[in-house]
Amino acid sequence: MNDLLLSLEITGLGMGLVFGAIILLWVMMLLLTAFTGSKKTESDETPESDKKPAPQSGDKLQAAAIAVAIALAEQGQSTAHPLSVPPTALVSAWQLGMRTSQRTQKGSIGRR
């Protein structure tokens, strides 16, 4: 019975130290953020003369129209096209998977 009480005391002491350390770290983080946190002062704020005017709804519509025009122009210039399927599969899907995994294991993918 004496061994059981001793083991419970050691367990309680260990758990108390762990939770005490966690609480100590938590308090230290609170203190660090309280003392080193950024505080806004009047000199940090931008003066009224430097502020940009709020965009009008017409400006947003014009920007959206320009973005759509650019996207359509880029889409028209694209040379990408879907690849045609070969008439017969040269390699089965299982073989392709096995070869790919072997090349990946050897580290030869991407090296040429």
Protein backbone atom coordinates (compact mmCIF):
# COMPACT_ATOMS: atom_id res chain seq x y z
CA MET A 1 0.00 0.00 0.00
CA ASN A 2 2.95 2.27 0.69
CA ASP A 3 4.19 1.82 -2.89
CA LEU A 4 0.79 2.79 -4.28
CA LEU A 5 0.73 6.03 -2.26
CA LEU A 6 4.29 6.85 -3.31
CA SER A 7 3.45 6.28 -6.98
CA LEU A 8 0.33 8.48 -6.68
CA GLU A 9 2.39 11.24 -5.07
CA ILE A 10 4.99 11.08 -7.84
CA THR A 11 2.24 11.10 -10.51
CA GLY A 12 0.50 14.06 -8.89
CA LEU A 13 3.78 15.96 -8.57
CA GLY A 14 4.65 15.31 -12.22
CA MET A 15 1.24 16.34 -13.48
CA GLY A 16 1.30 19.42 -11.27
CA LEU A 17 4.67 20.45 -12.68
CA VAL A 18 3.48 19.97 -16.26
CA PHE A 19 0.29 21.97 -15.79
CA GLY A 20 2.17 24.59 -13.78
CA ALA A 21 4.66 25.02 -16.63
CA ILE A 22 1.82 25.34 -19.15
CA ILE A 23 0.11 27.99 -17.04
CA LEU A 24 3.43 29.82 -16.56
CA LEU A 25 4.02 29.89 -20.33
CA TRP A 26 0.46 31.11 -20.89
CA VAL A 27 0.92 33.96 -18.42
CA MET A 28 4.27 34.89 -20.00
CA MET A 29 2.66 35.03 -23.46
CA LEU A 30 -0.12 37.25 -22.12
CA LEU A 31 2.44 39.61 -20.58
CA LEU A 32 4.56 39.70 -23.74
CA THR A 33 1.60 40.53 -25.93
CA ALA A 34 0.40 43.16 -23.48
CA PHE A 35 3.77 44.94 -23.37
CA THR A 36 4.98 44.46 -26.94
CA GLY A 37 1.68 44.65 -28.82
CA SER A 38 1.43 47.34 -31.47
CA LYS A 39 -0.43 50.36 -30.27
CA LYS A 40 -1.72 52.89 -32.79
CA THR A 41 -0.75 56.45 -32.18
CA GLU A 42 -1.90 59.58 -33.96
CA SER A 43 1.36 59.74 -35.94
CA ASP A 44 0.73 56.24 -37.37
CA GLU A 45 -2.56 57.23 -38.95
CA THR A 46 -2.53 58.61 -42.48
CA PRO A 47 -3.50 62.25 -42.81
CA GLU A 48 -6.78 63.12 -44.48
CA SER A 49 -5.01 64.59 -47.52
CA ASP A 50 -3.26 61.25 -48.29
CA LYS A 51 -6.41 59.13 -48.23
CA LYS A 52 -7.67 57.87 -51.58
CA PRO A 53 -11.27 58.54 -52.52
CA ALA A 54 -13.66 55.61 -52.34
CA PRO A 55 -14.16 54.00 -55.75
CA GLN A 56 -17.45 54.77 -57.42
CA SER A 57 -19.70 52.01 -58.71
CA GLY A 58 -18.90 53.08 -62.28
CA ASP A 59 -15.20 52.52 -61.59
CA LYS A 60 -15.92 48.99 -60.41
CA LEU A 61 -17.98 48.24 -63.50
CA GLN A 62 -15.28 49.61 -65.77
CA ALA A 63 -12.61 47.52 -64.01
CA ALA A 64 -14.76 44.41 -64.33
CA ALA A 65 -15.33 45.07 -68.04
CA ILE A 66 -11.59 45.49 -68.63
CA ALA A 67 -10.85 42.26 -66.75
CA VAL A 68 -13.39 40.33 -68.84
CA ALA A 69 -11.98 41.78 -72.06
CA ILE A 70 -8.44 40.79 -71.10
CA ALA A 71 -9.55 37.27 -70.13
CA LEU A 72 -11.39 36.81 -73.45
CA ALA A 73 -8.39 38.08 -75.40
CA GLU A 74 -6.04 35.69 -73.58
CA GLN A 75 -8.45 32.82 -74.14
CA GLY A 76 -8.50 33.53 -77.88
CA GLN A 77 -4.69 33.52 -78.01
CA SER A 78 -4.36 30.21 -76.22
CA THR A 79 -2.71 27.46 -78.27
CA ALA A 80 -3.79 24.68 -75.92
CA HIS A 81 -5.94 21.97 -77.42
CA PRO A 82 -7.20 18.66 -76.10
CA LEU A 83 -5.02 15.67 -76.89
CA SER A 84 -6.51 13.03 -79.12
CA VAL A 85 -6.83 9.52 -77.77
CA PRO A 86 -4.57 7.03 -79.56
CA PRO A 87 -6.46 4.35 -81.50
CA THR A 88 -5.20 1.56 -79.25
CA ALA A 89 -3.68 1.74 -75.83
CA LEU A 90 0.00 0.89 -76.04
CA VAL A 91 0.21 0.30 -72.29
CA SER A 92 -2.60 -0.77 -69.99
CA ALA A 93 -3.57 1.40 -67.04
CA TRP A 94 -2.14 -1.17 -64.64
CA GLN A 95 1.22 -1.19 -66.43
CA LEU A 96 1.31 2.59 -66.50
CA GLY A 97 0.63 2.76 -62.77
CA MET A 98 3.32 0.23 -61.96
CA ARG A 99 5.91 1.94 -64.16
CA THR A 100 5.09 5.32 -62.66
CA SER A 101 5.46 4.02 -59.10
CA GLN A 102 8.78 2.37 -60.00
CA ARG A 103 10.11 5.59 -61.52
CA THR A 104 8.96 7.53 -58.47
CA GLN A 105 10.73 5.11 -56.13
CA LYS A 106 13.93 5.38 -58.14
CA GLY A 107 13.66 9.15 -58.22
CA SER A 108 14.02 9.45 -61.97
CA ILE A 109 10.89 11.52 -62.59
CA GLY A 110 11.77 15.02 -63.66
CA ARG A 111 15.43 14.23 -64.43
CA ARG A 112 16.44 14.25 -68.06
